[in-house]
C-alpha atoms as a PDB file:
ATOM      1  CA  UNK A   1      -0.014  -0.058   0.003  1.00  0.00           C
ATOM      2  CA  UNK A   2       1.140   3.505  -0.855  1.00  0.00           C
ATOM      3  CA  UNK A   3      -0.663   6.523   0.787  1.00  0.00           C
ATOM      4  CA  UNK A   4      -0.089  10.297   0.627  1.00  0.00           C
ATOM      5  CA  UNK A   5      -1.361  12.638   3.268  1.00  0.00           C
ATOM      6  CA  UNK A   6      -3.575   9.793   4.623  1.00  0.00           C
ATOM      7  CA  UNK A   7      -5.125   8.939   1.278  1.00  0.00           C
ATOM      8  CA  UNK A   8      -4.566   5.575  -0.265  1.00  0.00           C
ATOM      9  CA  UNK A   9      -3.330   6.188  -3.898  1.00  0.00           C
ATOM     10  CA  UNK A  10      -5.306   3.224  -5.131  1.00  0.00           C
ATOM     11  CA  UNK A  11      -8.476   5.385  -5.008  1.00  0.00           C
ATOM     12  CA  UNK A  12      -7.006   6.972  -8.092  1.00  0.00           C
ATOM     13  CA  UNK A  13      -6.423   3.575  -9.820  1.00  0.00           C
ATOM     14  CA  UNK A  14      -2.791   4.094  -9.108  1.00  0.00           C
ATOM     15  CA  UNK A  15      -0.438   1.028  -9.337  1.00  0.00           C
ATOM     16  CA  UNK A  16       3.306   0.824  -8.390  1.00  0.00           C
ATOM     17  CA  UNK A  17       5.868   1.000 -11.279  1.00  0.00           C
ATOM     18  CA  UNK A  18       9.597   0.484 -11.533  1.00  0.00           C
ATOM     19  CA  UNK A  19      12.469   2.971 -11.779  1.00  0.00           C
ATOM     20  CA  UNK A  20      15.038   2.628 -14.520  1.00  0.00           C
ATOM     21  CA  UNK A  21      17.631   0.091 -13.546  1.00  0.00           C
ATOM     22  CA  UNK A  22      15.513  -0.869 -10.575  1.00  0.00           C
ATOM     23  CA  UNK A  23      12.459  -3.184  -9.799  1.00  0.00           C
ATOM     24  CA  UNK A  24      10.810  -1.089  -7.057  1.00  0.00           C
ATOM     25  CA  UNK A  25       8.681   1.994  -7.264  1.00  0.00           C
ATOM     26  CA  UNK A  26      10.729   4.288  -4.935  1.00  0.00           C
ATOM     27  CA  UNK A  27      14.130   5.983  -5.355  1.00  0.00           C
ATOM     28  CA  UNK A  28      15.999   8.406  -3.337  1.00  0.00           C
ATOM     29  CA  UNK A  29      14.480   7.355   0.017  1.00  0.00           C
ATOM     30  CA  UNK A  30      17.869   5.847   1.175  1.00  0.00           C
ATOM     31  CA  UNK A  31      20.203   8.566  -0.152  1.00  0.00           C
ATOM     32  CA  UNK A  32      22.470  10.381   2.323  1.00  0.00           C
ATOM     33  CA  UNK A  33      22.044  14.202   1.871  1.00  0.00           C
ATOM     34  CA  UNK A  34      24.638  16.719   1.059  1.00  0.00           C
ATOM     35  CA  UNK A  35      26.235  18.917   3.767  1.00  0.00           C
ATOM     36  CA  UNK A  36      24.908  22.407   4.266  1.00  0.00           C
ATOM     37  CA  UNK A  37      27.140  25.529   4.396  1.00  0.00           C
ATOM     38  CA  UNK A  38      30.931  25.677   4.019  1.00  0.00           C
ATOM     39  CA  UNK A  39      32.610  22.418   4.199  1.00  0.00           C
ATOM     40  CA  UNK A  40      36.247  23.287   3.673  1.00  0.00           C
ATOM     41  CA  UNK A  41      38.660  26.192   3.306  1.00  0.00           C
ATOM     42  CA  UNK A  42      41.128  26.494   0.630  1.00  0.00           C
ATOM     43  CA  UNK A  43      44.427  28.152   1.425  1.00  0.00           C
ATOM     44  CA  UNK A  44      46.248  29.464  -1.610  1.00  0.00           C
ATOM     45  CA  UNK A  45      49.721  28.582  -0.331  1.00  0.00           C
ATOM     46  CA  UNK A  46      48.864  25.038   0.874  1.00  0.00           C
ATOM     47  CA  UNK A  47      48.213  21.873  -1.136  1.00  0.00           C
ATOM     48  CA  UNK A  48      44.670  20.509  -0.806  1.00  0.00           C
ATOM     49  CA  UNK A  49      42.172  21.875   1.581  1.00  0.00           C
ATOM     50  CA  UNK A  50      41.246  22.415   5.271  1.00  0.00           C
ATOM     51  CA  UNK A  51      38.282  20.281   5.820  1.00  0.00           C
ATOM     52  CA  UNK A  52      35.515  21.343   8.343  1.00  0.00           C
ATOM     53  CA  UNK A  53      34.759  17.953  10.125  1.00  0.00           C
ATOM     54  CA  UNK A  54      34.088  19.043  13.577  1.00  0.00           C
ATOM     55  CA  UNK A  55      30.743  17.957  14.986  1.00  0.00           C
ATOM     56  CA  UNK A  56      29.466  21.639  15.071  1.00  0.00           C
ATOM     57  CA  UNK A  57      30.478  21.981  11.488  1.00  0.00           C
ATOM     58  CA  UNK A  58      28.493  19.054  10.007  1.00  0.00           C
ATOM     59  CA  UNK A  59      24.941  19.917   9.161  1.00  0.00           C
ATOM     60  CA  UNK A  60      22.928  17.858   6.515  1.00  0.00           C
ATOM     61  CA  UNK A  61      20.225  18.928   4.147  1.00  0.00           C
ATOM     62  CA  UNK A  62      17.240  17.044   2.784  1.00  0.00           C
ATOM     63  CA  UNK A  63      16.750  14.584  -0.047  1.00  0.00           C
ATOM     64  CA  UNK A  64      14.526  14.093  -3.099  1.00  0.00           C
ATOM     65  CA  UNK A  65      12.299  10.925  -3.175  1.00  0.00           C
ATOM     66  CA  UNK A  66      10.937   9.800  -6.517  1.00  0.00           C
ATOM     67  CA  UNK A  67       7.674   7.734  -6.573  1.00  0.00           C
ATOM     68  CA  UNK A  68       6.818   6.142  -9.891  1.00  0.00           C
ATOM     69  CA  UNK A  69       3.544   4.341 -10.813  1.00  0.00           C
ATOM     70  CA  UNK A  70       0.634   4.154 -13.231  1.00  0.00           C
ATOM     71  CA  UNK A  71      -2.918   5.347 -13.361  1.00  0.00           C
ATOM     72  CA  UNK A  72      -4.884   2.668 -15.342  1.00  0.00           C
ATOM     73  CA  UNK A  73      -8.684   3.218 -16.121  1.00  0.00           C
ATOM     74  CA  UNK A  74     -11.250   1.778 -18.293  1.00  0.00           C
ATOM     75  CA  UNK A  75     -11.747   5.026 -20.431  1.00  0.00           C
ATOM     76  CA  UNK A  76      -9.671   8.167 -21.269  1.00  0.00           C
ATOM     77  CA  UNK A  77     -12.140  10.386 -19.368  1.00  0.00           C
ATOM     78  CA  UNK A  78     -11.891   8.216 -16.265  1.00  0.00           C
ATOM     79  CA  UNK A  79      -8.085   8.310 -16.453  1.00  0.00           C
ATOM     80  CA  UNK A  80      -8.140  12.149 -16.762  1.00  0.00           C
ATOM     81  CA  UNK A  81     -10.522  12.458 -13.932  1.00  0.00           C
ATOM     82  CA  UNK A  82      -8.342  10.284 -11.619  1.00  0.00           C
ATOM     83  CA  UNK A  83      -5.356  12.462 -12.535  1.00  0.00           C
ATOM     84  CA  UNK A  84      -7.264  15.619 -11.697  1.00  0.00           C
ATOM     85  CA  UNK A  85      -8.370  14.250  -8.378  1.00  0.00           C
ATOM     86  CA  UNK A  86      -4.782  13.416  -7.419  1.00  0.00           C
ATOM     87  CA  UNK A  87      -3.683  16.921  -8.390  1.00  0.00           C
ATOM     88  CA  UNK A  88      -6.531  18.293  -6.233  1.00  0.00           C
ATOM     89  CA  UNK A  89      -5.262  16.172  -3.251  1.00  0.00           C
ATOM     90  CA  UNK A  90      -1.782  17.561  -3.679  1.00  0.00           C
ATOM     91  CA  UNK A  91      -3.069  21.179  -4.059  1.00  0.00           C
ATOM     92  CA  UNK A  92      -4.713  20.754  -0.853  1.00  0.00           C
ATOM     93  CA  UNK A  93      -1.606  20.202   1.241  1.00  0.00           C
ATOM     94  CA  UNK A  94      -0.421  23.161   3.281  1.00  0.00           C
ATOM     95  CA  UNK A  95       2.707  21.500   4.982  1.00  0.00           C
ATOM     96  CA  UNK A  96       4.555  18.371   5.185  1.00  0.00           C
ATOM     97  CA  UNK A  97       2.421  15.105   4.785  1.00  0.00           C
ATOM     98  CA  UNK A  98       3.259  11.400   5.471  1.00  0.00           C
ATOM     99  CA  UNK A  99       4.156   9.263   2.476  1.00  0.00           C
ATOM    100  CA  UNK A 100       3.659   5.867   3.611  1.00  0.00           C
ATOM    101  CA  UNK A 101       5.243   3.062   1.666  1.00  0.00           C
ATOM    102  CA  UNK A 102       6.501  -0.516   1.919  1.00  0.00           C
ATOM    103  CA  UNK A 103       9.918   0.973   2.434  1.00  0.00           C
ATOM    104  CA  UNK A 104       9.229   3.401   5.256  1.00  0.00           C
ATOM    105  CA  UNK A 105       7.125   6.563   6.187  1.00  0.00           C
ATOM    106  CA  UNK A 106       8.599   9.900   4.967  1.00  0.00           C
ATOM    107  CA  UNK A 107       7.425  13.513   5.902  1.00  0.00           C
ATOM    108  CA  UNK A 108       7.438  15.211   2.487  1.00  0.00           C
ATOM    109  CA  UNK A 109       6.083  17.840   0.257  1.00  0.00           C
ATOM    110  CA  UNK A 110       5.723  17.771  -3.502  1.00  0.00           C
ATOM    111  CA  UNK A 111       8.688  19.507  -4.996  1.00  0.00           C
ATOM    112  CA  UNK A 112       8.557  19.538  -8.771  1.00  0.00           C
ATOM    113  CA  UNK A 113       6.491  19.543 -11.981  1.00  0.00           C
ATOM    114  CA  UNK A 114       4.398  16.458 -12.446  1.00  0.00           C
ATOM    115  CA  UNK A 115       4.461  15.375 -16.043  1.00  0.00           C
ATOM    116  CA  UNK A 116       2.434  12.258 -16.793  1.00  0.00           C
ATOM    117  CA  UNK A 117       3.304  10.208 -19.833  1.00  0.00           C
ATOM    118  CA  UNK A 118       0.533   8.686 -21.614  1.00  0.00           C
ATOM    119  CA  UNK A 119       1.152   4.971 -22.496  1.00  0.00           C
ATOM    120  CA  UNK A 120      -2.363   4.304 -23.762  1.00  0.00           C
ATOM    121  CA  UNK A 121      -5.580   6.319 -24.006  1.00  0.00           C
ATOM    122  CA  UNK A 122      -6.595   4.734 -20.673  1.00  0.00           C
ATOM    123  CA  UNK A 123      -3.231   4.686 -18.890  1.00  0.00           C
ATOM    124  CA  UNK A 124      -0.367   6.858 -17.956  1.00  0.00           C
ATOM    125  CA  UNK A 125       2.918   6.680 -16.232  1.00  0.00           C
ATOM    126  CA  UNK A 126       3.431   9.210 -13.533  1.00  0.00           C
ATOM    127  CA  UNK A 127       6.500  10.167 -11.447  1.00  0.00           C
ATOM    128  CA  UNK A 128       6.084  12.417  -8.328  1.00  0.00           C
ATOM    129  CA  UNK A 129       9.176  14.150  -6.935  1.00  0.00           C
ATOM    130  CA  UNK A 130       8.956  14.685  -3.231  1.00  0.00           C
ATOM    131  CA  UNK A 131      11.295  16.676  -0.958  1.00  0.00           C
ATOM    132  CA  UNK A 132      11.970  15.226   2.593  1.00  0.00           C
ATOM    133  CA  UNK A 133      13.573  18.239   4.288  1.00  0.00           C
ATOM    134  CA  UNK A 134      14.262  16.418   7.662  1.00  0.00           C
ATOM    135  CA  UNK A 135      15.183  12.892   6.868  1.00  0.00           C
ATOM    136  CA  UNK A 136      15.853  10.261   9.600  1.00  0.00           C
ATOM    137  CA  UNK A 137      19.605   9.636   9.286  1.00  0.00           C
ATOM    138  CA  UNK A 138      20.032   7.704  12.481  1.00  0.00           C
ATOM    139  CA  UNK A 139      22.091   4.560  12.394  1.00  0.00           C
ATOM    140  CA  UNK A 140      24.468   2.450  14.457  1.00  0.00           C
ATOM    141  CA  UNK A 141      28.246   2.837  13.823  1.00  0.00           C
ATOM    142  CA  UNK A 142      29.503  -0.541  12.355  1.00  0.00           C
ATOM    143  CA  UNK A 143      31.901  -2.215  14.626  1.00  0.00           C
ATOM    144  CA  UNK A 144      35.537  -2.414  13.544  1.00  0.00           C
ATOM    145  CA  UNK A 145      36.879  -5.867  12.515  1.00  0.00           C
ATOM    146  CA  UNK A 146      40.409  -4.526  12.224  1.00  0.00           C
ATOM    147  CA  UNK A 147      40.234  -5.245   8.531  1.00  0.00           C
ATOM    148  CA  UNK A 148      43.317  -4.473   6.342  1.00  0.00           C
ATOM    149  CA  UNK A 149      41.063  -3.286   3.572  1.00  0.00           C
ATOM    150  CA  UNK A 150      37.897  -1.232   4.110  1.00  0.00           C
ATOM    151  CA  UNK A 151      36.847   2.085   5.618  1.00  0.00           C
ATOM    152  CA  UNK A 152      38.414   3.052   9.079  1.00  0.00           C
ATOM    153  CA  UNK A 153      39.312  -0.551   9.814  1.00  0.00           C
ATOM    154  CA  UNK A 154      35.831  -1.807   8.850  1.00  0.00           C
ATOM    155  CA  UNK A 155      35.899  -4.300   6.070  1.00  0.00           C
ATOM    156  CA  UNK A 156      33.775  -3.818   2.997  1.00  0.00           C
ATOM    157  CA  UNK A 157      31.959  -7.133   3.927  1.00  0.00           C
ATOM    158  CA  UNK A 158      31.072  -5.714   7.382  1.00  0.00           C
ATOM    159  CA  UNK A 159      29.567  -2.762   5.700  1.00  0.00           C
ATOM    160  CA  UNK A 160      27.324  -5.185   3.677  1.00  0.00           C
ATOM    161  CA  UNK A 161      28.983  -5.959   0.349  1.00  0.00           C
ATOM    162  CA  UNK A 162      32.052  -5.190  -1.447  1.00  0.00           C
ATOM    163  CA  UNK A 163      33.927  -2.398  -3.180  1.00  0.00           C
ATOM    164  CA  UNK A 164      33.217  -2.354  -6.994  1.00  0.00           C
ATOM    165  CA  UNK A 165      35.302   0.727  -8.121  1.00  0.00           C
ATOM    166  CA  UNK A 166      37.482   3.555  -7.301  1.00  0.00           C
ATOM    167  CA  UNK A 167      37.445   6.087 -10.081  1.00  0.00           C
ATOM    168  CA  UNK A 168      38.220   9.710 -10.654  1.00  0.00           C
ATOM    169  CA  UNK A 169      41.628  11.257  -9.958  1.00  0.00           C
ATOM    170  CA  UNK A 170      43.237   8.003  -8.668  1.00  0.00           C
ATOM    171  CA  UNK A 171      46.551   8.540 -10.388  1.00  0.00           C
ATOM    172  CA  UNK A 172      46.135  12.068 -11.701  1.00  0.00           C
ATOM    173  CA  UNK A 173      47.856  15.203 -10.427  1.00  0.00           C
ATOM    174  CA  UNK A 174      44.978  17.415  -9.354  1.00  0.00           C
ATOM    175  CA  UNK A 175      44.503  20.662 -11.116  1.00  0.00           C
ATOM    176  CA  UNK A 176      46.118  23.757  -9.512  1.00  0.00           C
ATOM    177  CA  UNK A 177      44.119  26.369  -7.574  1.00  0.00           C
ATOM    178  CA  UNK A 178      42.937  29.554  -9.150  1.00  0.00           C
ATOM    179  CA  UNK A 179      45.718  32.098  -9.222  1.00  0.00           C
ATOM    180  CA  UNK A 180      45.089  35.522  -7.608  1.00  0.00           C
ATOM    181  CA  UNK A 181      46.933  38.355  -9.258  1.00  0.00           C
ATOM    182  CA  UNK A 182      46.527  41.569 -11.178  1.00  0.00           C
ATOM    183  CA  UNK A 183      48.421  42.391 -14.312  1.00  0.00           C
ATOM    184  CA  UNK A 184      47.784  45.142 -16.883  1.00  0.00           C
ATOM    185  CA  UNK A 185      50.751  45.641 -19.194  1.00  0.00           C
ATOM    186  CA  UNK A 186      51.645  41.954 -19.696  1.00  0.00           C
ATOM    187  CA  UNK A 187      50.437  38.451 -18.974  1.00  0.00           C
ATOM    188  CA  UNK A 188      50.777  37.678 -15.351  1.00  0.00           C
ATOM    189  CA  UNK A 189      51.153  34.428 -13.453  1.00  0.00           C
ATOM    190  CA  UNK A 190      51.124  32.835 -10.152  1.00  0.00           C
ATOM    191  CA  UNK A 191      52.358  29.321  -9.383  1.00  0.00           C
ATOM    192  CA  UNK A 192      49.817  27.825  -7.077  1.00  0.00           C
ATOM    193  CA  UNK A 193      49.315  24.547  -5.148  1.00  0.00           C
ATOM    194  CA  UNK A 194      47.195  21.746  -6.302  1.00  0.00           C
ATOM    195  CA  UNK A 195      43.510  21.232  -5.294  1.00  0.00           C
ATOM    196  CA  UNK A 196      42.334  18.363  -3.306  1.00  0.00           C
ATOM    197  CA  UNK A 197      41.868  15.096  -5.145  1.00  0.00           C
ATOM    198  CA  UNK A 198      38.359  13.625  -5.462  1.00  0.00           C
ATOM    199  CA  UNK A 199      37.520  10.000  -5.952  1.00  0.00           C
ATOM    200  CA  UNK A 200      34.290   8.237  -6.890  1.00  0.00           C
ATOM    201  CA  UNK A 201      33.552   5.207  -4.767  1.00  0.00           C
ATOM    202  CA  UNK A 202      30.980   2.560  -5.733  1.00  0.00           C
ATOM    203  CA  UNK A 203      29.892  -0.216  -3.311  1.00  0.00           C
ATOM    204  CA  UNK A 204      27.705  -3.080  -3.829  1.00  0.00           C
ATOM    205  CA  UNK A 205      25.479  -3.971  -0.953  1.00  0.00           C
ATOM    206  CA  UNK A 206      23.395  -7.176  -0.788  1.00  0.00           C
ATOM    207  CA  UNK A 207      21.439  -8.386   2.312  1.00  0.00           C
ATOM    208  CA  UNK A 208      18.758 -11.084   3.004  1.00  0.00           C
ATOM    209  CA  UNK A 209      15.895  -8.573   3.023  1.00  0.00           C
ATOM    210  CA  UNK A 210      15.060  -4.926   2.893  1.00  0.00           C
ATOM    211  CA  UNK A 211      15.225  -4.409   6.650  1.00  0.00           C
ATOM    212  CA  UNK A 212      18.793  -5.742   6.805  1.00  0.00           C
ATOM    213  CA  UNK A 213      19.694  -3.725   3.730  1.00  0.00           C
ATOM    214  CA  UNK A 214      18.397  -0.622   5.367  1.00  0.00           C
ATOM    215  CA  UNK A 215      20.445  -1.387   8.485  1.00  0.00           C
ATOM    216  CA  UNK A 216      23.576  -1.425   6.485  1.00  0.00           C
ATOM    217  CA  UNK A 217      22.706   1.981   4.802  1.00  0.00           C
ATOM    218  CA  UNK A 218      22.031   3.486   8.141  1.00  0.00           C
ATOM    219  CA  UNK A 219      25.370   2.159   9.341  1.00  0.00           C
ATOM    220  CA  UNK A 220      26.949   4.093   6.481  1.00  0.00           C
ATOM    221  CA  UNK A 221      25.086   7.153   7.669  1.00  0.00           C
ATOM    222  CA  UNK A 222      26.711   6.838  10.982  1.00  0.00           C
ATOM    223  CA  UNK A 223      30.244   6.149   9.615  1.00  0.00           C
ATOM    224  CA  UNK A 224      30.510   8.796   6.925  1.00  0.00           C
ATOM    225  CA  UNK A 225      28.559  11.474   8.731  1.00  0.00           C
ATOM    226  CA  UNK A 226      30.605  11.195  12.048  1.00  0.00           C
ATOM    227  CA  UNK A 227      32.942  13.982  12.984  1.00  0.00           C
ATOM    228  CA  UNK A 228      36.574  13.711  11.828  1.00  0.00           C
ATOM    229  CA  UNK A 229      38.158  12.111   8.815  1.00  0.00           C
ATOM    230  CA  UNK A 230      37.700   8.530   7.635  1.00  0.00           C
ATOM    231  CA  UNK A 231      40.328   6.191   6.277  1.00  0.00           C
ATOM    232  CA  UNK A 232      40.117   4.259   3.075  1.00  0.00           C
ATOM    233  CA  UNK A 233      42.368   1.313   2.143  1.00  0.00           C
ATOM    234  CA  UNK A 234      41.740  -0.897  -0.937  1.00  0.00           C
ATOM    235  CA  UNK A 235      43.555  -3.771  -2.452  1.00  0.00           C
ATOM    236  CA  UNK A 236      46.615  -2.569  -4.558  1.00  0.00           C
ATOM    237  CA  UNK A 237      46.077   1.078  -3.510  1.00  0.00           C
ATOM    238  CA  UNK A 238      47.379   3.613  -1.031  1.00  0.00           C
ATOM    239  CA  UNK A 239      45.669   4.336   2.262  1.00  0.00           C
ATOM    240  CA  UNK A 240      44.118   7.785   2.268  1.00  0.00           C
ATOM    241  CA  UNK A 241      42.180   9.966   4.620  1.00  0.00           C
ATOM    242  CA  UNK A 242      38.949  11.602   3.323  1.00  0.00           C
ATOM    243  CA  UNK A 243      35.647  13.089   4.144  1.00  0.00           C
ATOM    244  CA  UNK A 244      32.399  13.417   2.059  1.00  0.00           C
ATOM    245  CA  UNK A 245      30.538  16.646   1.517  1.00  0.00           C
ATOM    246  CA  UNK A 246      27.929  15.683  -1.105  1.00  0.00           C
ATOM    247  CA  UNK A 247      26.399  12.754   0.647  1.00  0.00           C
ATOM    248  CA  UNK A 248      25.912   9.466  -1.179  1.00  0.00           C
ATOM    249  CA  UNK A 249      23.333   7.933  -3.601  1.00  0.00           C
ATOM    250  CA  UNK A 250      21.661   4.483  -3.248  1.00  0.00           C
ATOM    251  CA  UNK A 251      20.382   3.354  -6.517  1.00  0.00           C
ATOM    252  CA  UNK A 252      19.796   0.271  -8.770  1.00  0.00           C
ATOM    253  CA  UNK A 253      17.613  -1.351  -6.086  1.00  0.00           C
ATOM    254  CA  UNK A 254      16.433  -4.891  -6.655  1.00  0.00           C
ATOM    255  CA  UNK A 255      14.147  -6.890  -4.395  1.00  0.00           C
ATOM    256  CA  UNK A 256      14.677 -10.513  -5.396  1.00  0.00           C
ATOM    257  CA  UNK A 257      12.473 -12.019  -2.774  1.00  0.00           C
ATOM    258  CA  UNK A 258      15.299 -13.930  -1.086  1.00  0.00           C
ATOM    259  CA  UNK A 259      17.668 -10.952  -1.113  1.00  0.00           C
ATOM    260  CA  UNK A 260      17.758  -7.110  -1.446  1.00  0.00           C
ATOM    261  CA  UNK A 261      20.584  -5.400  -3.291  1.00  0.00           C
ATOM    262  CA  UNK A 262      21.727  -1.981  -4.549  1.00  0.00           C
ATOM    263  CA  UNK A 263      24.612   0.321  -5.426  1.00  0.00           C
ATOM    264  CA  UNK A 264      25.961   2.977  -3.169  1.00  0.00           C
ATOM    265  CA  UNK A 265      28.021   5.815  -4.803  1.00  0.00           C
ATOM    266  CA  UNK A 266      29.779   8.784  -3.325  1.00  0.00           C
ATOM    267  CA  UNK A 267      32.537  11.173  -4.015  1.00  0.00           C
ATOM    268  CA  UNK A 268      35.272  11.447  -1.379  1.00  0.00           C
ATOM    269  CA  UNK A 269      37.502  14.415  -0.909  1.00  0.00           C
ATOM    270  CA  UNK A 270      41.014  13.137  -0.163  1.00  0.00           C
ATOM    271  CA  UNK A 271      42.845  15.119   2.596  1.00  0.00           C
ATOM    272  CA  UNK A 272      46.160  13.106   2.708  1.00  0.00           C
ATOM    273  CA  UNK A 273      47.968   9.930   2.529  1.00  0.00           C
ATOM    274  CA  UNK A 274      48.227   7.726   5.616  1.00  0.00           C
ATOM    275  CA  UNK A 275      51.212   5.691   6.635  1.00  0.00           C
ATOM    276  CA  UNK A 276      51.385   2.994   9.143  1.00  0.00           C
ATOM    277  CA  UNK A 277      54.351   3.854  11.518  1.00  0.00           C
ATOM    278  CA  UNK A 278      55.834   0.971  13.556  1.00  0.00           C
ATOM    279  CA  UNK A 279      56.357   1.831  17.292  1.00  0.00           C
ATOM    280  CA  UNK A 280      53.687   4.562  17.298  1.00  0.00           C
ATOM    281  CA  UNK A 281      52.233   4.614  20.880  1.00  0.00           C
ATOM    282  CA  UNK A 282      49.528   7.104  21.917  1.00  0.00           C
ATOM    283  CA  UNK A 283      49.162   7.496  25.712  1.00  0.00           C
ATOM    284  CA  UNK A 284      47.209  10.492  27.052  1.00  0.00           C
ATOM    285  CA  UNK A 285      48.687  13.483  25.429  1.00  0.00           C
ATOM    286  CA  UNK A 286      52.099  11.762  24.820  1.00  0.00           C
ATOM    287  CA  UNK A 287      53.056  10.492  21.378  1.00  0.00           C
ATOM    288  CA  UNK A 288      55.977   8.140  21.229  1.00  0.00           C
ATOM    289  CA  UNK A 289      57.583   7.260  17.740  1.00  0.00           C
ATOM    290  CA  UNK A 290      60.341   4.883  18.112  1.00  0.00           C
ATOM    291  CA  UNK A 291      61.219   6.330  21.529  1.00  0.00           C
ATOM    292  CA  UNK A 292      60.998  10.031  20.665  1.00  0.00           C
ATOM    293  CA  UNK A 293      58.475  11.681  22.796  1.00  0.00           C
ATOM    294  CA  UNK A 294      56.720  14.911  21.863  1.00  0.00           C
ATOM    295  CA  UNK A 295      53.976  16.796  23.662  1.00  0.00           C
ATOM    296  CA  UNK A 296      50.836  17.008  21.534  1.00  0.00           C
ATOM    297  CA  UNK A 297      47.075  17.433  21.834  1.00  0.00           C
ATOM    298  CA  UNK A 298      45.692  14.083  20.432  1.00  0.00           C
ATOM    299  CA  UNK A 299      42.598  14.477  18.312  1.00  0.00           C
ATOM    300  CA  UNK A 300      42.832  18.235  17.672  1.00  0.00           C
ATOM    301  CA  UNK A 301      41.455  19.185  14.301  1.00  0.00           C
ATOM    302  CA  UNK A 302      44.166  21.634  13.030  1.00  0.00           C
ATOM    303  CA  UNK A 303      47.401  20.037  11.629  1.00  0.00           C
ATOM    304  CA  UNK A 304      50.268  19.927  14.169  1.00  0.00           C
ATOM    305  CA  UNK A 305      53.840  20.793  13.129  1.00  0.00           C
ATOM    306  CA  UNK A 306      56.240  18.233  14.793  1.00  0.00           C
ATOM    307  CA  UNK A 307      59.600  19.739  13.994  1.00  0.00           C
ATOM    308  CA  UNK A 308      61.226  17.690  16.821  1.00  0.00           C
ATOM    309  CA  UNK A 309      60.532  14.515  14.760  1.00  0.00           C
ATOM    310  CA  UNK A 310      62.732  15.655  11.959  1.00  0.00           C
ATOM    311  CA  UNK A 311      59.905  16.038   9.599  1.00  0.00           C
ATOM    312  CA  UNK A 312      61.325  19.457   8.560  1.00  0.00           C
ATOM    313  CA  UNK A 313      58.142  21.405   8.474  1.00  0.00           C
ATOM    314  CA  UNK A 314      55.931  18.739   6.906  1.00  0.00           C
ATOM    315  CA  UNK A 315      52.399  18.496   8.158  1.00  0.00           C
ATOM    316  CA  UNK A 316      51.722  15.590  10.502  1.00  0.00           C
ATOM    317  CA  UNK A 317      48.263  14.465  11.888  1.00  0.00           C
ATOM    318  CA  UNK A 318      47.588  11.882  14.457  1.00  0.00           C
ATOM    319  CA  UNK A 319      44.567   9.771  13.636  1.00  0.00           C
ATOM    320  CA  UNK A 320      43.491   6.407  14.981  1.00  0.00           C
ATOM    321  CA  UNK A 321      47.130   5.466  15.851  1.00  0.00           C
ATOM    322  CA  UNK A 322      48.302   6.358  12.415  1.00  0.00           C
ATOM    323  CA  UNK A 323      50.266   9.388  11.118  1.00  0.00           C
ATOM    324  CA  UNK A 324      49.089  11.283   8.078  1.00  0.00           C
ATOM    325  CA  UNK A 325      52.095  13.042   6.403  1.00  0.00           C
ATOM    326  CA  UNK A 326      52.106  15.575   3.596  1.00  0.00           C
ATOM    327  CA  UNK A 327      55.249  16.619   1.733  1.00  0.00           C
ATOM    328  CA  UNK A 328      57.499  14.052   3.341  1.00  0.00           C
ATOM    329  CA  UNK A 329      61.197  15.184   3.440  1.00  0.00           C
ATOM    330  CA  UNK A 330      62.743  13.241   6.233  1.00  0.00           C
ATOM    331  CA  UNK A 331      61.520  11.021   9.076  1.00  0.00           C
END
């Protein structure tokens, strides 16, 4: 059953359809929204960016939900009357209303133009775009299984499936930052640092049923929306730290009866390369690297300069008993 604002859509001879690449009638209801406001700062003289990943800096927006179905009637006039009645129902809403589906209940409003496609004189296909401004993004943080490959020591299998693809600027040198100079009599120039590298990640998630699938997606909410940076390590690839600012999309959903599966895609912003350093010990506010002890505030957001460790001015960040190093000269 699908109802909108307390009215069962079957009264309009509405029947569920399928989205392209999927076999269910709903899309977007599992997406993780993009962040609101400024998510990073770009310093002209530094490579990459300074991410804003403190708890107070992470605010999430809403998401679009797409409902696809058919109105099938005995005559053309009856079909048009049902469509008109559906429009009248929507026009009567003055605030958020519940969209009740087999996949959850969502507080929504109709966001966009409704453009029905006539497939016969007595039937049409209709997609309604809703906006859910305050989605429920609660979830339980997945437990670490100390995986060699995965996200923040959580294996891809523990996240619900496996990694399909890492694409984007995997091996590229990122483009340089926009120069800032003024020149009137001749061509000017400014040699700038590179921008942050962005990578596209695609995960395949499969679970025994929709409830278990939804739990895995909610686990990704908790993991990727949490304060701080995450760590990604894939087979035959480097270990990097990252954060996401554009959320993630869950699509190509298939209910096979005995399983429920879909794809999760997101773009990560790389903030550095992580190195496992033997002998690293964190105890209180003391960091010991092969016997060298330096006073440091563990877990602070800004990068910390550790000249005493002979890094010669390179940026070093302590994260989860690992060191993130940029511009390595000597260590």
